[in-house]
Amino acid sequence: MKLTCLKIAALVCCFTTPLLAEQTVAVPSGQNVRFFEQLDEPENGIIRLRFIAPDLASPLKRPSFEDLTLDLEALCTEFGLNNLLQNEEQPEQIIVSLSAEPVEFGIANSDVEQVFEAFSVENETCMLEMF
């Protein structure tokens, strides 16, 4: 595990999981998704799961809003809780993001399509939070 420190309003230390990077993940929409990184914020009870989904950049391939919502939920529950975090203490919240290409965390890039959702973790299940 590699330690990375990011400065966002205050200095927040985060852990990344490079060993799983490049892992392809199946999602309900069938789009091509691969795991990019995990960022942990233990002091806030938050885990961020970041994925690359090149189909987001193509209007012809981009899944519908409903399909994206199902994909994000599946990534939280199936990949996050049931796979990646299976033997770890459950976080209070998991934020799942899809990006058409890798983007540095915390840096805005309006040229890259991105979507994300936050999920509360209750009873080993991801519950969608509406932003």
N, C-alpha and C. Protein backbone atom coordinates (compact mmCIF):
# COMPACT_ATOMS: atom_id res chain seq x y z
N MET A 1 0.84 -1.17 0.00
CA MET A 1 0.00 0.00 0.00
C MET A 1 0.89 1.24 0.00
N LYS A 2 0.57 2.21 -0.80
CA LYS A 2 1.38 3.39 -0.96
C LYS A 2 0.71 4.57 -0.26
N LEU A 3 1.44 5.32 0.55
CA LEU A 3 0.89 6.45 1.27
C LEU A 3 1.01 7.70 0.41
N THR A 4 -0.10 8.39 0.23
CA THR A 4 -0.11 9.62 -0.56
C THR A 4 -0.79 10.69 0.27
N CYS A 5 -0.21 11.87 0.36
CA CYS A 5 -0.83 12.97 1.09
C CYS A 5 -1.33 14.01 0.10
N LEU A 6 -2.57 14.40 0.23
CA LEU A 6 -3.19 15.40 -0.64
C LEU A 6 -3.57 16.60 0.20
N LYS A 7 -3.49 17.76 -0.41
CA LYS A 7 -3.87 18.97 0.30
C LYS A 7 -5.18 19.47 -0.29
N ILE A 8 -6.25 19.34 0.47
CA ILE A 8 -7.56 19.81 0.06
C ILE A 8 -8.14 20.54 1.27
N ALA A 9 -8.10 21.83 1.23
CA ALA A 9 -8.49 22.71 2.33
C ALA A 9 -7.56 22.52 3.52
N ALA A 10 -7.32 21.30 3.91
CA ALA A 10 -6.36 20.97 4.95
C ALA A 10 -5.59 19.76 4.45
N LEU A 11 -4.51 19.45 5.10
CA LEU A 11 -3.74 18.29 4.68
C LEU A 11 -4.45 17.03 5.15
N VAL A 12 -4.83 16.17 4.19
CA VAL A 12 -5.52 14.93 4.49
C VAL A 12 -4.66 13.79 3.97
N CYS A 13 -4.31 12.85 4.84
CA CYS A 13 -3.52 11.71 4.40
C CYS A 13 -4.45 10.62 3.89
N CYS A 14 -4.10 10.09 2.74
CA CYS A 14 -4.91 9.07 2.10
C CYS A 14 -4.04 7.90 1.71
N PHE A 15 -4.62 6.70 1.71
CA PHE A 15 -3.91 5.51 1.26
C PHE A 15 -4.46 5.11 -0.09
N THR A 16 -3.58 4.72 -1.00
CA THR A 16 -4.02 4.23 -2.29
C THR A 16 -3.73 2.75 -2.38
N THR A 17 -4.41 2.09 -3.31
CA THR A 17 -4.23 0.66 -3.49
C THR A 17 -3.77 0.40 -4.92
N PRO A 18 -2.47 0.60 -5.22
CA PRO A 18 -2.01 0.44 -6.59
C PRO A 18 -1.99 -1.01 -7.06
N LEU A 19 -1.97 -1.98 -6.15
CA LEU A 19 -1.89 -3.37 -6.56
C LEU A 19 -3.12 -3.83 -7.34
N LEU A 20 -4.27 -3.22 -7.07
CA LEU A 20 -5.50 -3.60 -7.77
C LEU A 20 -5.76 -2.74 -9.00
N ALA A 21 -4.94 -1.70 -9.20
CA ALA A 21 -5.14 -0.82 -10.35
C ALA A 21 -5.08 -1.65 -11.62
N GLU A 22 -5.82 -1.24 -12.60
CA GLU A 22 -5.91 -1.91 -13.89
C GLU A 22 -6.84 -3.12 -13.86
N GLN A 23 -7.42 -3.46 -12.71
CA GLN A 23 -8.34 -4.58 -12.62
C GLN A 23 -9.65 -4.21 -13.31
N THR A 24 -10.09 -5.01 -14.28
CA THR A 24 -11.36 -4.78 -14.96
C THR A 24 -12.49 -5.25 -14.05
N VAL A 25 -13.56 -4.46 -14.02
CA VAL A 25 -14.68 -4.74 -13.14
C VAL A 25 -15.96 -4.82 -13.96
N ALA A 26 -16.75 -5.88 -13.77
CA ALA A 26 -18.03 -6.03 -14.47
C ALA A 26 -19.08 -5.15 -13.80
N VAL A 27 -19.85 -4.45 -14.63
CA VAL A 27 -20.94 -3.61 -14.13
C VAL A 27 -22.21 -3.93 -14.92
N PRO A 28 -23.39 -3.63 -14.36
CA PRO A 28 -24.66 -3.97 -15.01
C PRO A 28 -24.82 -3.44 -16.44
N SER A 29 -24.29 -2.25 -16.73
CA SER A 29 -24.47 -1.67 -18.06
C SER A 29 -23.61 -2.36 -19.12
N GLY A 30 -22.59 -3.08 -18.68
CA GLY A 30 -21.69 -3.75 -19.61
C GLY A 30 -20.56 -2.86 -20.11
N GLN A 31 -20.53 -1.60 -19.66
CA GLN A 31 -19.45 -0.73 -20.11
C GLN A 31 -18.10 -1.22 -19.58
N ASN A 32 -17.03 -0.80 -20.23
CA ASN A 32 -15.68 -1.18 -19.85
C ASN A 32 -15.24 -0.31 -18.66
N VAL A 33 -15.08 -0.92 -17.50
CA VAL A 33 -14.69 -0.19 -16.29
C VAL A 33 -13.49 -0.88 -15.67
N ARG A 34 -12.51 -0.08 -15.24
CA ARG A 34 -11.38 -0.67 -14.53
C ARG A 34 -11.11 0.13 -13.27
N PHE A 35 -10.68 -0.60 -12.25
CA PHE A 35 -10.36 0.01 -10.97
C PHE A 35 -9.14 0.90 -11.14
N PHE A 36 -9.19 2.11 -10.58
CA PHE A 36 -8.09 3.07 -10.68
C PHE A 36 -7.36 3.22 -9.35
N GLU A 37 -8.11 3.55 -8.29
CA GLU A 37 -7.46 3.71 -7.00
C GLU A 37 -8.48 3.80 -5.87
N GLN A 38 -7.98 3.55 -4.68
CA GLN A 38 -8.75 3.69 -3.46
C GLN A 38 -8.08 4.76 -2.62
N LEU A 39 -8.87 5.72 -2.13
CA LEU A 39 -8.37 6.76 -1.24
C LEU A 39 -9.11 6.65 0.08
N ASP A 40 -8.38 6.49 1.16
CA ASP A 40 -8.98 6.33 2.48
C ASP A 40 -8.85 7.62 3.28
N GLU A 41 -9.93 7.98 3.95
CA GLU A 41 -9.94 9.10 4.88
C GLU A 41 -10.48 8.56 6.21
N PRO A 42 -9.66 7.79 6.94
CA PRO A 42 -10.16 7.13 8.16
C PRO A 42 -10.68 8.11 9.21
N GLU A 43 -10.12 9.30 9.25
CA GLU A 43 -10.57 10.28 10.25
C GLU A 43 -11.99 10.75 9.96
N ASN A 44 -12.46 10.59 8.72
CA ASN A 44 -13.82 10.99 8.34
C ASN A 44 -14.73 9.79 8.09
N GLY A 45 -14.19 8.58 8.17
CA GLY A 45 -14.98 7.38 7.91
C GLY A 45 -15.35 7.23 6.45
N ILE A 46 -14.52 7.78 5.55
CA ILE A 46 -14.82 7.78 4.12
C ILE A 46 -13.78 6.98 3.35
N ILE A 47 -14.26 6.22 2.38
CA ILE A 47 -13.40 5.55 1.42
C ILE A 47 -13.88 5.97 0.04
N ARG A 48 -12.94 6.38 -0.79
CA ARG A 48 -13.25 6.76 -2.17
C ARG A 48 -12.74 5.66 -3.09
N LEU A 49 -13.62 5.15 -3.93
CA LEU A 49 -13.25 4.16 -4.94
C LEU A 49 -13.35 4.84 -6.29
N ARG A 50 -12.23 4.90 -6.99
CA ARG A 50 -12.17 5.61 -8.27
C ARG A 50 -11.94 4.61 -9.40
N PHE A 51 -12.72 4.78 -10.46
CA PHE A 51 -12.69 3.87 -11.60
C PHE A 51 -12.57 4.66 -12.90
N ILE A 52 -11.99 4.01 -13.92
CA ILE A 52 -11.89 4.59 -15.25
C ILE A 52 -12.93 3.90 -16.12
N ALA A 53 -13.74 4.72 -16.82
CA ALA A 53 -14.79 4.22 -17.71
C ALA A 53 -14.73 5.02 -19.01
N PRO A 54 -13.90 4.58 -19.97
CA PRO A 54 -13.72 5.33 -21.22
C PRO A 54 -15.01 5.60 -21.99
N ASP A 55 -16.03 4.76 -21.83
CA ASP A 55 -17.30 4.96 -22.55
C ASP A 55 -17.99 6.27 -22.17
N LEU A 56 -17.66 6.85 -21.03
CA LEU A 56 -18.26 8.12 -20.64
C LEU A 56 -17.95 9.23 -21.64
N ALA A 57 -16.81 9.12 -22.31
CA ALA A 57 -16.39 10.16 -23.25
C ALA A 57 -17.13 10.10 -24.58
N SER A 58 -17.84 9.02 -24.84
CA SER A 58 -18.51 8.83 -26.13
C SER A 58 -20.03 8.95 -25.98
N PRO A 59 -20.63 9.96 -26.60
CA PRO A 59 -22.09 10.08 -26.53
C PRO A 59 -22.82 8.85 -27.05
N LEU A 60 -22.20 8.11 -27.96
CA LEU A 60 -22.84 6.92 -28.51
C LEU A 60 -22.72 5.70 -27.60
N LYS A 61 -21.72 5.68 -26.74
CA LYS A 61 -21.50 4.53 -25.85
C LYS A 61 -21.88 4.80 -24.40
N ARG A 62 -22.01 6.07 -24.03
CA ARG A 62 -22.26 6.45 -22.64
C ARG A 62 -23.57 5.84 -22.15
N PRO A 63 -23.53 5.13 -21.02
CA PRO A 63 -24.77 4.55 -20.46
C PRO A 63 -25.75 5.65 -20.04
N SER A 64 -27.02 5.29 -19.96
CA SER A 64 -28.05 6.22 -19.50
C SER A 64 -27.82 6.54 -18.02
N PHE A 65 -28.51 7.57 -17.56
CA PHE A 65 -28.42 7.95 -16.14
C PHE A 65 -28.80 6.78 -15.24
N GLU A 66 -29.87 6.08 -15.60
CA GLU A 66 -30.32 4.94 -14.79
C GLU A 66 -29.27 3.84 -14.76
N ASP A 67 -28.65 3.55 -15.92
CA ASP A 67 -27.61 2.52 -15.97
C ASP A 67 -26.37 2.94 -15.18
N LEU A 68 -26.01 4.22 -15.26
CA LEU A 68 -24.87 4.71 -14.48
C LEU A 68 -25.13 4.58 -12.98
N THR A 69 -26.35 4.88 -12.58
CA THR A 69 -26.70 4.75 -11.16
C THR A 69 -26.56 3.30 -10.70
N LEU A 70 -27.04 2.36 -11.51
CA LEU A 70 -26.90 0.94 -11.18
C LEU A 70 -25.43 0.52 -11.15
N ASP A 71 -24.64 1.04 -12.09
CA ASP A 71 -23.21 0.73 -12.12
C ASP A 71 -22.52 1.22 -10.85
N LEU A 72 -22.80 2.46 -10.45
CA LEU A 72 -22.16 3.03 -9.26
C LEU A 72 -22.55 2.24 -8.00
N GLU A 73 -23.82 1.86 -7.91
CA GLU A 73 -24.26 1.07 -6.77
C GLU A 73 -23.58 -0.30 -6.75
N ALA A 74 -23.48 -0.93 -7.91
CA ALA A 74 -22.81 -2.24 -8.00
C ALA A 74 -21.33 -2.12 -7.64
N LEU A 75 -20.69 -1.05 -8.08
CA LEU A 75 -19.28 -0.85 -7.75
C LEU A 75 -19.10 -0.67 -6.25
N CYS A 76 -20.03 0.02 -5.62
CA CYS A 76 -19.96 0.20 -4.17
C CYS A 76 -20.15 -1.12 -3.44
N THR A 77 -21.23 -1.81 -3.76
CA THR A 77 -21.59 -3.03 -3.03
C THR A 77 -20.73 -4.22 -3.45
N GLU A 78 -20.76 -4.54 -4.73
CA GLU A 78 -20.08 -5.77 -5.18
C GLU A 78 -18.57 -5.64 -5.16
N PHE A 79 -18.04 -4.56 -5.71
CA PHE A 79 -16.59 -4.41 -5.74
C PHE A 79 -16.07 -3.91 -4.40
N GLY A 80 -16.70 -2.86 -3.87
CA GLY A 80 -16.23 -2.25 -2.64
C GLY A 80 -16.43 -3.12 -1.41
N LEU A 81 -17.68 -3.29 -1.00
CA LEU A 81 -17.97 -4.02 0.25
C LEU A 81 -17.68 -5.52 0.16
N ASN A 82 -18.10 -6.15 -0.92
CA ASN A 82 -17.99 -7.61 -1.00
C ASN A 82 -16.65 -8.11 -1.49
N ASN A 83 -15.80 -7.25 -2.01
CA ASN A 83 -14.53 -7.68 -2.57
C ASN A 83 -13.37 -6.95 -1.89
N LEU A 84 -13.21 -5.70 -2.22
CA LEU A 84 -12.06 -4.92 -1.77
C LEU A 84 -12.01 -4.75 -0.25
N LEU A 85 -13.15 -4.46 0.37
CA LEU A 85 -13.19 -4.15 1.80
C LEU A 85 -13.70 -5.31 2.64
N GLN A 86 -13.73 -6.47 2.07
CA GLN A 86 -14.32 -7.65 2.70
C GLN A 86 -13.78 -7.93 4.10
N ASN A 87 -12.50 -7.77 4.30
CA ASN A 87 -11.88 -8.09 5.60
C ASN A 87 -11.48 -6.86 6.38
N GLU A 88 -12.02 -5.70 6.02
CA GLU A 88 -11.68 -4.46 6.70
C GLU A 88 -12.90 -3.93 7.46
N GLU A 89 -12.63 -3.00 8.36
CA GLU A 89 -13.72 -2.34 9.07
C GLU A 89 -14.53 -1.53 8.06
N GLN A 90 -15.85 -1.61 8.14
CA GLN A 90 -16.73 -0.93 7.20
C GLN A 90 -16.66 0.58 7.42
N PRO A 91 -16.51 1.36 6.36
CA PRO A 91 -16.52 2.81 6.49
C PRO A 91 -17.95 3.31 6.71
N GLU A 92 -18.08 4.56 7.10
CA GLU A 92 -19.40 5.17 7.22
C GLU A 92 -19.94 5.53 5.84
N GLN A 93 -19.03 5.89 4.94
CA GLN A 93 -19.44 6.33 3.61
C GLN A 93 -18.43 5.85 2.56
N ILE A 94 -18.96 5.48 1.40
CA ILE A 94 -18.12 5.15 0.25
C ILE A 94 -18.54 6.08 -0.88
N ILE A 95 -17.57 6.75 -1.46
CA ILE A 95 -17.83 7.61 -2.61
C ILE A 95 -17.23 6.91 -3.82
N VAL A 96 -18.08 6.64 -4.81
CA VAL A 96 -17.66 5.94 -6.02
C VAL A 96 -17.65 6.94 -7.16
N SER A 97 -16.54 6.96 -7.91
CA SER A 97 -16.48 7.85 -9.07
C SER A 97 -16.04 7.09 -10.31
N LEU A 98 -16.61 7.52 -11.42
CA LEU A 98 -16.23 7.03 -12.75
C LEU A 98 -15.70 8.22 -13.53
N SER A 99 -14.60 8.02 -14.22
CA SER A 99 -13.99 9.07 -15.02
C SER A 99 -13.60 8.49 -16.37
N ALA A 100 -13.78 9.26 -17.44
CA ALA A 100 -13.45 8.77 -18.77
C ALA A 100 -11.96 8.49 -18.93
N GLU A 101 -11.15 9.18 -18.15
CA GLU A 101 -9.70 8.95 -18.14
C GLU A 101 -9.16 9.35 -16.77
N PRO A 102 -7.94 8.93 -16.45
CA PRO A 102 -7.40 9.26 -15.13
C PRO A 102 -7.29 10.77 -14.93
N VAL A 103 -7.74 11.20 -13.76
CA VAL A 103 -7.68 12.61 -13.36
C VAL A 103 -7.12 12.63 -11.95
N GLU A 104 -6.22 13.55 -11.69
CA GLU A 104 -5.65 13.67 -10.35
C GLU A 104 -6.76 14.05 -9.37
N PHE A 105 -6.80 13.37 -8.23
CA PHE A 105 -7.84 13.63 -7.24
C PHE A 105 -7.76 15.07 -6.73
N GLY A 106 -8.91 15.72 -6.67
CA GLY A 106 -8.99 17.08 -6.15
C GLY A 106 -8.70 18.17 -7.16
N ILE A 107 -8.37 17.78 -8.39
CA ILE A 107 -8.07 18.75 -9.44
C ILE A 107 -9.22 18.75 -10.45
N ALA A 108 -9.86 19.90 -10.63
CA ALA A 108 -10.97 20.00 -11.58
C ALA A 108 -10.44 19.91 -13.01
N ASN A 109 -11.16 19.17 -13.84
CA ASN A 109 -10.81 19.04 -15.25
C ASN A 109 -12.10 18.92 -16.05
N SER A 110 -12.56 20.05 -16.59
CA SER A 110 -13.84 20.06 -17.31
C SER A 110 -13.77 19.37 -18.66
N ASP A 111 -12.58 18.97 -19.09
CA ASP A 111 -12.42 18.27 -20.37
C ASP A 111 -12.66 16.77 -20.25
N VAL A 112 -12.79 16.26 -19.01
CA VAL A 112 -12.94 14.82 -18.79
C VAL A 112 -14.31 14.56 -18.15
N GLU A 113 -15.10 13.70 -18.79
CA GLU A 113 -16.41 13.33 -18.24
C GLU A 113 -16.22 12.56 -16.95
N GLN A 114 -16.95 12.95 -15.90
CA GLN A 114 -16.86 12.28 -14.61
C GLN A 114 -18.24 12.23 -13.96
N VAL A 115 -18.51 11.15 -13.26
CA VAL A 115 -19.72 11.03 -12.45
C VAL A 115 -19.34 10.41 -11.11
N PHE A 116 -20.07 10.75 -10.07
CA PHE A 116 -19.80 10.16 -8.77
C PHE A 116 -21.06 10.18 -7.93
N GLU A 117 -21.08 9.28 -6.97
CA GLU A 117 -22.18 9.21 -6.01
C GLU A 117 -21.60 8.83 -4.65
N ALA A 118 -22.28 9.26 -3.61
CA ALA A 118 -21.90 8.91 -2.25
C ALA A 118 -22.91 7.90 -1.71
N PHE A 119 -22.42 6.93 -0.97
CA PHE A 119 -23.25 5.89 -0.38
C PHE A 119 -22.95 5.77 1.10
N SER A 120 -24.01 5.73 1.91
CA SER A 120 -23.86 5.39 3.32
C SER A 120 -23.74 3.88 3.40
N VAL A 121 -22.96 3.41 4.36
CA VAL A 121 -22.82 1.97 4.54
C VAL A 121 -23.61 1.59 5.78
N GLU A 122 -24.66 0.78 5.56
CA GLU A 122 -25.51 0.32 6.65
C GLU A 122 -25.78 -1.17 6.47
N ASN A 123 -25.55 -1.95 7.52
CA ASN A 123 -25.81 -3.39 7.48
C ASN A 123 -25.15 -4.06 6.27
N GLU A 124 -23.90 -3.69 6.02
CA GLU A 124 -23.11 -4.26 4.93
C GLU A 124 -23.75 -4.02 3.55
N THR A 125 -24.47 -2.90 3.42
CA THR A 125 -25.11 -2.54 2.17
C THR A 125 -24.83 -1.05 1.86
N CYS A 126 -24.70 -0.74 0.59
CA CYS A 126 -24.51 0.65 0.16
C CYS A 126 -25.88 1.29 -0.07
N MET A 127 -26.13 2.39 0.62
CA MET A 127 -27.38 3.12 0.51
C MET A 127 -27.09 4.47 -0.17
N LEU A 128 -27.67 4.71 -1.34
CA LEU A 128 -27.42 5.93 -2.10
C LEU A 128 -27.79 7.16 -1.29
N GLU A 129 -26.89 8.13 -1.26
CA GLU A 129 -27.15 9.44 -0.64
C GLU A 129 -27.35 10.42 -1.78
N MET A 130 -28.33 11.23 -1.71
CA MET A 130 -28.57 12.22 -2.75
C MET A 130 -27.81 13.49 -2.39
N PHE A 131 -26.93 13.92 -3.31
CA PHE A 131 -26.18 15.17 -3.09
C PHE A 131 -27.10 16.34 -3.30
